Amino acid sequence: MSSGHDSGGAVERSKRENARRLAVAILAAAALLFALFNLDTVKVDLVVFGTVTMPLVVVIAACLLIGGLIGSYLGRRARRRH
């Protein structure tokens, strides 16, 4: 006999996943707008390569990419522990 509760968990996960995707999309759009409004050229002091000049949008994109990679790695690592 099926009580019908099995699909309830899937619906709850689906709602949670949709909310998570929406939050990521909103944050990505905000980050994109922030980067596009910051097109000035800046000097960046890199530890290994010295000082370089590049558009601020490149610096912002690189930081977002590095942060996303670190977050993805840590998220996968935490899931493996459980």
N, C-alpha and C. Protein backbone atom coordinates (compact mmCIF):
# COMPACT_ATOMS: atom_id res chain seq x y z
N MET A 1 0.82 -1.18 0.00
CA MET A 1 0.00 0.00 0.00
C MET A 1 0.87 1.24 0.00
N SER A 2 0.52 2.16 -0.81
CA SER A 2 1.25 3.42 -0.88
C SER A 2 0.46 4.49 -0.18
N SER A 3 1.12 5.20 0.71
CA SER A 3 0.42 6.23 1.48
C SER A 3 0.41 7.58 0.77
N GLY A 4 1.18 7.72 -0.31
CA GLY A 4 1.20 8.98 -1.03
C GLY A 4 2.18 9.98 -0.46
N HIS A 5 2.84 9.62 0.63
CA HIS A 5 3.79 10.54 1.26
C HIS A 5 5.14 10.54 0.56
N ASP A 6 5.41 9.54 -0.26
CA ASP A 6 6.69 9.47 -0.94
C ASP A 6 6.90 10.65 -1.88
N SER A 7 5.86 11.06 -2.60
CA SER A 7 6.00 12.17 -3.53
C SER A 7 6.06 13.51 -2.81
N GLY A 8 5.57 13.58 -1.57
CA GLY A 8 5.62 14.82 -0.81
C GLY A 8 7.04 15.29 -0.56
N GLY A 9 7.94 14.35 -0.27
CA GLY A 9 9.34 14.69 -0.06
C GLY A 9 9.97 15.21 -1.33
N ALA A 10 9.59 14.61 -2.45
CA ALA A 10 10.13 15.05 -3.74
C ALA A 10 9.63 16.44 -4.08
N VAL A 11 8.38 16.74 -3.76
CA VAL A 11 7.83 18.07 -4.02
C VAL A 11 8.54 19.09 -3.16
N GLU A 12 8.78 18.73 -1.89
CA GLU A 12 9.48 19.65 -0.98
C GLU A 12 10.90 19.92 -1.46
N ARG A 13 11.59 18.88 -1.91
CA ARG A 13 12.94 19.06 -2.45
C ARG A 13 12.89 19.91 -3.70
N SER A 14 11.88 19.71 -4.54
CA SER A 14 11.74 20.47 -5.77
C SER A 14 11.53 21.96 -5.46
N LYS A 15 10.69 22.26 -4.49
CA LYS A 15 10.45 23.65 -4.10
C LYS A 15 11.73 24.27 -3.56
N ARG A 16 12.44 23.52 -2.73
CA ARG A 16 13.68 24.01 -2.16
C ARG A 16 14.71 24.25 -3.25
N GLU A 17 14.79 23.33 -4.21
CA GLU A 17 15.74 23.47 -5.32
C GLU A 17 15.37 24.67 -6.19
N ASN A 18 14.10 24.87 -6.46
CA ASN A 18 13.67 26.02 -7.25
C ASN A 18 13.99 27.34 -6.53
N ALA A 19 13.79 27.37 -5.23
CA ALA A 19 14.11 28.57 -4.45
C ALA A 19 15.62 28.84 -4.50
N ARG A 20 16.40 27.78 -4.38
CA ARG A 20 17.86 27.91 -4.44
C ARG A 20 18.30 28.43 -5.80
N ARG A 21 17.71 27.89 -6.86
CA ARG A 21 18.06 28.34 -8.22
C ARG A 21 17.67 29.80 -8.43
N LEU A 22 16.52 30.19 -7.93
CA LEU A 22 16.08 31.58 -8.05
C LEU A 22 17.04 32.51 -7.31
N ALA A 23 17.46 32.12 -6.12
CA ALA A 23 18.40 32.94 -5.35
C ALA A 23 19.73 33.08 -6.09
N VAL A 24 20.21 31.98 -6.66
CA VAL A 24 21.46 32.03 -7.41
C VAL A 24 21.31 32.93 -8.64
N ALA A 25 20.19 32.84 -9.33
CA ALA A 25 19.96 33.67 -10.52
C ALA A 25 19.91 35.16 -10.15
N ILE A 26 19.26 35.49 -9.05
CA ILE A 26 19.19 36.88 -8.61
C ILE A 26 20.58 37.41 -8.23
N LEU A 27 21.34 36.60 -7.49
CA LEU A 27 22.69 37.00 -7.11
C LEU A 27 23.59 37.14 -8.33
N ALA A 28 23.45 36.24 -9.29
CA ALA A 28 24.26 36.31 -10.51
C ALA A 28 23.92 37.56 -11.31
N ALA A 29 22.63 37.89 -11.40
CA ALA A 29 22.22 39.10 -12.12
C ALA A 29 22.76 40.35 -11.43
N ALA A 30 22.69 40.37 -10.10
CA ALA A 30 23.22 41.51 -9.35
C ALA A 30 24.72 41.65 -9.55
N ALA A 31 25.43 40.53 -9.52
CA ALA A 31 26.88 40.56 -9.72
C ALA A 31 27.23 41.02 -11.12
N LEU A 32 26.47 40.57 -12.10
CA LEU A 32 26.70 40.98 -13.49
C LEU A 32 26.48 42.49 -13.65
N LEU A 33 25.40 43.01 -13.11
CA LEU A 33 25.14 44.45 -13.19
C LEU A 33 26.23 45.24 -12.47
N PHE A 34 26.62 44.77 -11.31
CA PHE A 34 27.69 45.44 -10.55
C PHE A 34 28.97 45.49 -11.36
N ALA A 35 29.31 44.38 -11.99
CA ALA A 35 30.54 44.31 -12.79
C ALA A 35 30.45 45.23 -14.01
N LEU A 36 29.32 45.25 -14.68
CA LEU A 36 29.18 46.05 -15.89
C LEU A 36 29.20 47.56 -15.61
N PHE A 37 28.84 47.95 -14.40
CA PHE A 37 28.88 49.36 -14.05
C PHE A 37 30.26 49.79 -13.53
N ASN A 38 31.19 48.85 -13.46
CA ASN A 38 32.53 49.14 -12.98
C ASN A 38 33.55 48.77 -14.05
N LEU A 39 33.60 49.58 -15.09
CA LEU A 39 34.47 49.30 -16.23
C LEU A 39 35.80 50.05 -16.18
N ASP A 40 36.04 50.82 -15.12
CA ASP A 40 37.29 51.58 -15.02
C ASP A 40 38.50 50.64 -14.99
N THR A 41 39.63 51.18 -15.37
CA THR A 41 40.88 50.43 -15.31
C THR A 41 41.52 50.67 -13.95
N VAL A 42 41.99 49.59 -13.33
CA VAL A 42 42.58 49.68 -12.00
C VAL A 42 43.92 48.95 -11.96
N LYS A 43 44.76 49.33 -11.01
CA LYS A 43 46.01 48.61 -10.77
C LYS A 43 45.74 47.56 -9.71
N VAL A 44 46.19 46.35 -9.98
CA VAL A 44 45.99 45.24 -9.05
C VAL A 44 47.35 44.69 -8.67
N ASP A 45 47.60 44.56 -7.38
CA ASP A 45 48.86 44.02 -6.89
C ASP A 45 48.69 42.51 -6.71
N LEU A 46 49.27 41.75 -7.63
CA LEU A 46 49.23 40.30 -7.56
C LEU A 46 50.46 39.81 -6.82
N VAL A 47 50.29 38.88 -5.93
CA VAL A 47 51.39 38.41 -5.08
C VAL A 47 52.54 37.87 -5.92
N VAL A 48 52.24 37.08 -6.94
CA VAL A 48 53.28 36.41 -7.72
C VAL A 48 53.75 37.25 -8.91
N PHE A 49 52.85 37.94 -9.57
CA PHE A 49 53.16 38.61 -10.84
C PHE A 49 53.42 40.11 -10.72
N GLY A 50 53.45 40.65 -9.53
CA GLY A 50 53.66 42.09 -9.36
C GLY A 50 52.37 42.87 -9.59
N THR A 51 52.52 44.12 -9.98
CA THR A 51 51.36 44.98 -10.21
C THR A 51 50.98 44.98 -11.69
N VAL A 52 49.69 44.79 -11.95
CA VAL A 52 49.19 44.80 -13.32
C VAL A 52 48.02 45.78 -13.41
N THR A 53 47.76 46.25 -14.60
CA THR A 53 46.62 47.13 -14.85
C THR A 53 45.61 46.37 -15.69
N MET A 54 44.34 46.40 -15.23
CA MET A 54 43.28 45.69 -15.96
C MET A 54 41.94 46.32 -15.63
N PRO A 55 40.94 46.06 -16.47
CA PRO A 55 39.60 46.58 -16.16
C PRO A 55 39.05 46.00 -14.85
N LEU A 56 38.37 46.81 -14.09
CA LEU A 56 37.79 46.36 -12.82
C LEU A 56 36.82 45.21 -13.04
N VAL A 57 36.12 45.19 -14.17
CA VAL A 57 35.18 44.11 -14.45
C VAL A 57 35.90 42.76 -14.50
N VAL A 58 37.13 42.74 -14.97
CA VAL A 58 37.91 41.49 -15.01
C VAL A 58 38.27 41.04 -13.59
N VAL A 59 38.63 42.00 -12.75
CA VAL A 59 38.96 41.69 -11.36
C VAL A 59 37.72 41.12 -10.65
N ILE A 60 36.58 41.75 -10.85
CA ILE A 60 35.33 41.29 -10.22
C ILE A 60 34.97 39.90 -10.72
N ALA A 61 35.06 39.69 -12.02
CA ALA A 61 34.72 38.37 -12.59
C ALA A 61 35.65 37.29 -12.06
N ALA A 62 36.93 37.60 -11.97
CA ALA A 62 37.90 36.62 -11.45
C ALA A 62 37.59 36.27 -9.99
N CYS A 63 37.26 37.27 -9.20
CA CYS A 63 36.93 37.03 -7.79
C CYS A 63 35.65 36.19 -7.66
N LEU A 64 34.65 36.49 -8.48
CA LEU A 64 33.43 35.70 -8.46
C LEU A 64 33.69 34.26 -8.87
N LEU A 65 34.51 34.07 -9.88
CA LEU A 65 34.85 32.72 -10.34
C LEU A 65 35.59 31.95 -9.25
N ILE A 66 36.58 32.58 -8.65
CA ILE A 66 37.34 31.92 -7.59
C ILE A 66 36.43 31.57 -6.40
N GLY A 67 35.58 32.50 -6.02
CA GLY A 67 34.64 32.26 -4.92
C GLY A 67 33.67 31.14 -5.23
N GLY A 68 33.17 31.11 -6.47
CA GLY A 68 32.26 30.04 -6.88
C GLY A 68 32.93 28.68 -6.87
N LEU A 69 34.17 28.62 -7.33
CA LEU A 69 34.90 27.35 -7.32
C LEU A 69 35.16 26.86 -5.90
N ILE A 70 35.54 27.78 -5.02
CA ILE A 70 35.78 27.39 -3.62
C ILE A 70 34.48 26.92 -2.97
N GLY A 71 33.39 27.66 -3.21
CA GLY A 71 32.09 27.26 -2.65
C GLY A 71 31.62 25.92 -3.17
N SER A 72 31.81 25.67 -4.44
CA SER A 72 31.42 24.39 -5.03
C SER A 72 32.24 23.25 -4.42
N TYR A 73 33.53 23.48 -4.30
CA TYR A 73 34.40 22.45 -3.72
C TYR A 73 34.01 22.14 -2.28
N LEU A 74 33.81 23.18 -1.48
CA LEU A 74 33.46 22.97 -0.08
C LEU A 74 32.08 22.32 0.06
N GLY A 75 31.14 22.68 -0.82
CA GLY A 75 29.82 22.08 -0.78
C GLY A 75 29.86 20.59 -1.09
N ARG A 76 30.63 20.21 -2.07
CA ARG A 76 30.76 18.79 -2.42
C ARG A 76 31.46 18.03 -1.31
N ARG A 77 32.46 18.66 -0.73
CA ARG A 77 33.21 18.01 0.35
C ARG A 77 32.31 17.76 1.56
N ALA A 78 31.45 18.73 1.88
CA ALA A 78 30.54 18.59 3.02
C ALA A 78 29.50 17.50 2.76
N ARG A 79 29.03 17.39 1.52
CA ARG A 79 28.04 16.35 1.19
C ARG A 79 28.62 14.96 1.31
N ARG A 80 29.91 14.81 1.00
CA ARG A 80 30.55 13.50 1.09
C ARG A 80 30.64 13.02 2.53
N ARG A 81 30.75 13.96 3.46
CA ARG A 81 30.87 13.59 4.87
C ARG A 81 29.57 13.04 5.43
N HIS A 82 28.45 13.42 4.85
CA HIS A 82 27.14 13.00 5.40
C HIS A 82 26.65 11.78 4.73
